[in-house]
Protein backbone atom coordinates (compact mmCIF):
# COMPACT_ATOMS: atom_id res chain seq x y z
CA UNK A 1 -45.91 -4.17 15.98
CA UNK A 2 -47.51 -0.77 15.47
CA UNK A 3 -46.10 1.55 12.68
CA UNK A 4 -44.39 3.79 14.93
CA UNK A 5 -42.60 1.58 16.96
CA UNK A 6 -41.33 -0.40 13.64
CA UNK A 7 -40.37 3.01 12.06
CA UNK A 8 -38.37 3.82 15.32
CA UNK A 9 -36.64 0.37 15.29
CA UNK A 10 -35.68 0.85 11.60
CA UNK A 11 -34.15 4.20 12.46
CA UNK A 12 -32.35 2.77 15.34
CA UNK A 13 -30.89 -0.19 13.70
CA UNK A 14 -29.53 2.41 10.57
CA UNK A 15 -27.98 4.55 13.20
CA UNK A 16 -26.21 1.68 14.52
CA UNK A 17 -24.97 0.72 11.28
CA UNK A 18 -23.83 3.71 10.76
CA UNK A 19 -21.82 3.94 13.90
CA UNK A 20 -20.41 0.46 13.42
CA UNK A 21 -19.33 1.39 9.79
CA UNK A 22 -17.54 4.41 10.97
CA UNK A 23 -15.87 2.57 13.68
CA UNK A 24 -14.39 0.00 10.93
CA UNK A 25 -13.27 2.83 8.90
CA UNK A 26 -11.24 4.18 11.78
CA UNK A 27 -9.90 1.02 12.85
CA UNK A 28 -6.78 1.05 15.03
CA UNK A 29 -3.80 0.55 12.89
CA UNK A 30 -1.37 -2.12 13.48
CA UNK A 31 2.14 -2.99 12.54
CA UNK A 32 2.42 -4.64 9.16
CA UNK A 33 -0.68 -2.79 7.73
CA UNK A 34 -0.03 -1.72 3.96
CA UNK A 35 -1.09 1.91 3.31
CA UNK A 36 -1.89 3.29 -0.38
CA UNK A 37 -2.22 6.77 -1.74
CA UNK A 38 -1.93 8.60 -5.00
CA UNK A 39 1.16 10.56 -5.11
CA UNK A 40 1.35 13.96 -7.52
CA UNK A 41 4.39 13.49 -9.85
CA UNK A 42 5.33 12.75 -13.38
CA UNK A 43 6.60 9.36 -12.62
CA UNK A 44 3.40 8.68 -10.25
CA UNK A 45 1.01 9.67 -13.15
CA UNK A 46 2.92 6.94 -15.40
CA UNK A 47 2.72 4.38 -12.53
CA UNK A 48 -1.16 4.77 -12.39
CA UNK A 49 -1.51 4.72 -16.24
CA UNK A 50 0.77 1.85 -16.84
CA UNK A 51 -1.02 -0.08 -14.09
CA UNK A 52 -4.51 1.00 -14.41
CA UNK A 53 -4.52 2.09 -10.89
CA UNK A 54 -5.66 5.05 -8.97
CA UNK A 55 -2.69 4.25 -6.46
CA UNK A 56 1.22 5.38 -7.06
CA UNK A 57 2.59 4.77 -3.90
CA UNK A 58 2.31 2.32 -0.71
CA UNK A 59 4.09 1.84 2.66
CA UNK A 60 3.84 -0.41 5.65
CA UNK A 61 2.55 0.91 9.09
CA UNK A 62 4.81 0.41 12.10
CA UNK A 63 3.99 1.11 15.54
CA UNK A 64 7.13 3.12 17.48
CA UNK A 65 6.38 3.69 21.17
CA UNK A 66 2.49 3.87 20.58
CA UNK A 67 3.04 6.29 17.49
CA UNK A 68 2.07 5.42 13.88
CA UNK A 69 4.77 5.64 11.32
CA UNK A 70 5.11 4.38 7.59
CA UNK A 71 8.18 2.62 6.47
CA UNK A 72 8.29 3.75 2.92
CA UNK A 73 10.84 3.70 -0.07
CA UNK A 74 11.43 7.22 -0.95
CA UNK A 75 14.75 9.05 -1.37
CA UNK A 76 16.05 7.18 0.91
CA UNK A 77 14.07 4.25 2.58
CA UNK A 78 12.75 6.04 5.76
CA UNK A 79 10.18 5.69 8.29
CA UNK A 80 7.88 8.70 8.06
CA UNK A 81 5.25 9.82 10.68
CA UNK A 82 1.61 8.79 9.67
CA UNK A 83 0.41 12.39 9.52
CA UNK A 84 2.82 13.64 7.60
CA UNK A 85 2.93 10.67 5.09
CA UNK A 86 -0.78 11.26 4.46
CA UNK A 87 -0.20 14.78 3.76
CA UNK A 88 2.04 13.97 0.69
CA UNK A 89 -1.01 12.28 -1.25
CA UNK A 90 -3.67 13.81 -3.50
CA UNK A 91 -6.41 15.13 -1.43
CA UNK A 92 -4.86 13.34 1.74
CA UNK A 93 -6.81 10.25 0.61
CA UNK A 94 -5.39 6.82 1.46
CA UNK A 95 -6.50 3.26 1.91
CA UNK A 96 -5.34 0.56 4.62
CA UNK A 97 -5.40 -3.01 4.07
CA UNK A 98 -4.57 -5.70 6.60
CA UNK A 99 -3.30 -9.33 5.94
CA UNK A 100 -6.59 -11.64 6.69
CA UNK A 101 -6.01 -13.38 9.94
CA UNK A 102 -3.43 -11.27 11.04
CA UNK A 103 -4.19 -12.20 14.65
CA UNK A 104 -3.01 -15.85 14.11
CA UNK A 105 -0.46 -15.22 11.37
CA UNK A 106 1.45 -11.97 12.44
CA UNK A 107 2.68 -13.41 15.90
CA UNK A 108 5.02 -11.44 17.88
CA UNK A 109 7.90 -13.39 16.41
CA UNK A 110 6.94 -12.92 12.93
CA UNK A 111 6.60 -9.17 13.38
CA UNK A 112 9.98 -9.22 14.60
CA UNK A 113 11.29 -11.17 11.47
CA UNK A 114 9.51 -8.37 9.30
CA UNK A 115 11.01 -5.46 11.50
CA UNK A 116 14.48 -6.88 11.02
CA UNK A 117 13.85 -7.08 7.01
CA UNK A 118 12.69 -3.54 7.19
CA UNK A 119 15.66 -2.45 9.20
CA UNK A 120 17.86 -3.91 6.47
CA UNK A 121 16.44 -1.42 3.96
CA UNK A 122 16.17 1.61 5.95
CA UNK A 123 18.73 4.11 4.21
CA UNK A 124 18.78 2.41 0.77
CA UNK A 125 18.26 4.57 -2.19
CA UNK A 126 14.98 4.71 -4.04
CA UNK A 127 15.07 2.54 -7.53
CA UNK A 128 13.65 4.56 -10.10
CA UNK A 129 14.49 2.01 -12.71
CA UNK A 130 12.27 -0.80 -10.91
CA UNK A 131 15.11 -3.31 -10.74
CA UNK A 132 14.42 -6.81 -8.69
CA UNK A 133 17.91 -6.18 -6.70
CA UNK A 134 18.31 -5.15 -3.07
CA UNK A 135 20.80 -2.59 -3.92
CA UNK A 136 18.01 0.09 -4.34
CA UNK A 137 14.23 -0.16 -3.61
CA UNK A 138 11.04 1.00 -4.78
CA UNK A 139 8.00 1.37 -2.50
CA UNK A 140 5.79 -2.00 -3.66
CA UNK A 141 9.02 -3.80 -3.84
CA UNK A 142 9.81 -2.73 -0.03
CA UNK A 143 6.36 -4.13 0.91
CA UNK A 144 6.57 -7.27 -0.85
CA UNK A 145 9.82 -8.37 0.25
CA UNK A 146 9.55 -7.63 3.79
CA UNK A 147 6.23 -9.97 3.70
CA UNK A 148 7.79 -12.45 1.88
CA UNK A 149 10.91 -12.87 3.85
CA UNK A 150 9.32 -12.08 7.30
CA UNK A 151 6.26 -13.81 7.15
CA UNK A 152 6.45 -16.18 4.16
CA UNK A 153 3.58 -14.23 2.54
CA UNK A 154 3.20 -13.11 -1.22
CA UNK A 155 1.78 -9.63 -0.96
CA UNK A 156 0.60 -9.82 -4.52
CA UNK A 157 1.29 -11.25 -7.87
CA UNK A 158 4.77 -10.76 -9.65
CA UNK A 159 4.64 -9.44 -12.83
CA UNK A 160 7.17 -8.69 -15.77
CA UNK A 161 7.36 -4.91 -16.78
CA UNK A 162 6.01 -5.95 -20.56
CA UNK A 163 2.71 -6.88 -18.82
CA UNK A 164 1.98 -3.18 -18.09
CA UNK A 165 0.23 -0.78 -20.53
CA UNK A 166 3.11 1.18 -21.74
CA UNK A 167 1.12 2.93 -24.58
CA UNK A 168 0.43 6.22 -23.33
CA UNK A 169 2.45 9.29 -23.68
CA UNK A 170 3.48 9.79 -20.02
CA UNK A 171 4.67 6.06 -19.60
CA UNK A 172 6.54 6.58 -22.84
CA UNK A 173 8.34 9.56 -21.74
CA UNK A 174 9.51 8.09 -18.46
CA UNK A 175 10.78 5.15 -20.27
CA UNK A 176 12.64 7.11 -22.83
CA UNK A 177 14.14 9.17 -20.06
CA UNK A 178 15.03 6.14 -17.87
CA UNK A 179 15.86 3.63 -20.37
CA UNK A 180 16.28 5.17 -23.72
CA UNK A 181 15.68 1.97 -26.09
CA UNK A 182 16.73 -0.56 -23.70
CA UNK A 183 13.48 -1.41 -21.44
CA UNK A 184 13.97 -4.48 -19.71
CA UNK A 185 10.95 -5.91 -20.64
CA UNK A 186 11.39 -9.07 -18.72
CA UNK A 187 12.49 -7.47 -15.46
CA UNK A 188 10.34 -8.96 -12.28
CA UNK A 189 8.18 -6.00 -10.96
CA UNK A 190 5.67 -5.53 -8.40
CA UNK A 191 3.14 -2.76 -8.61
CA UNK A 192 1.08 -1.11 -5.83
CA UNK A 193 -1.86 -2.21 -7.55
CA UNK A 194 -0.84 -5.72 -7.45
CA UNK A 195 -0.32 -5.50 -3.60
CA UNK A 196 -3.43 -3.62 -3.27
CA UNK A 197 -5.66 -6.21 -5.14
CA UNK A 198 -3.95 -9.41 -3.24
CA UNK A 199 -7.02 -11.58 -2.04
CA UNK A 200 -4.89 -12.34 0.94
CA UNK A 201 -5.69 -8.54 2.43
CA UNK A 202 -8.83 -6.73 3.36
CA UNK A 203 -9.55 -3.15 3.61
CA UNK A 204 -9.76 -1.72 7.25
CA UNK A 205 -9.46 2.05 6.60
CA UNK A 206 -10.47 3.93 3.53
CA UNK A 207 -10.37 7.88 2.89
CA UNK A 208 -11.48 7.00 -0.61
CA UNK A 209 -14.85 6.49 0.19
CA UNK A 210 -14.86 2.74 -0.41
CA UNK A 211 -15.55 -0.15 1.80
């Protein structure tokens, strides 16, 4: 094979890989996908510091009449159009993770159960104290409970509050404001980072520049 032809094949191959990578990054979203972002508030900064994560908020993608929405626990729990949700994140950056083998695991019946669990949460108040009851809900708790109750999947490792890094000034200020001297160190919690790190999921779209 002559040098010119070999160079052309290499260039063509690299171009094809670039196209395939770009397509992967823009893979169509599905109901059940989990989306992560960095929000910009004192609480979100504290969450990132305590969990050693760049993510402070997450939600779940749901298709409604062909349009993409995010089921999220804010005040109150609601469905937010995806485009609007993205604008709430720092630099409009986000990452979408999907359950591996979603085609076989997230059947129509399972998705219906997950949707039913999500509907139970709609309108609930946001839980700024990160309690494990269903009275109020925070973002990663919403995702974890829908997956557990609707699909039998544990989307991340449950932890206790005492396992987080509570040493930084922003974290201490939030703790003092919310709990005073009565931090519930043994409270069961799930962080956005724990959901993100779950080996049961894989990245299907990223606006952070990572694969």
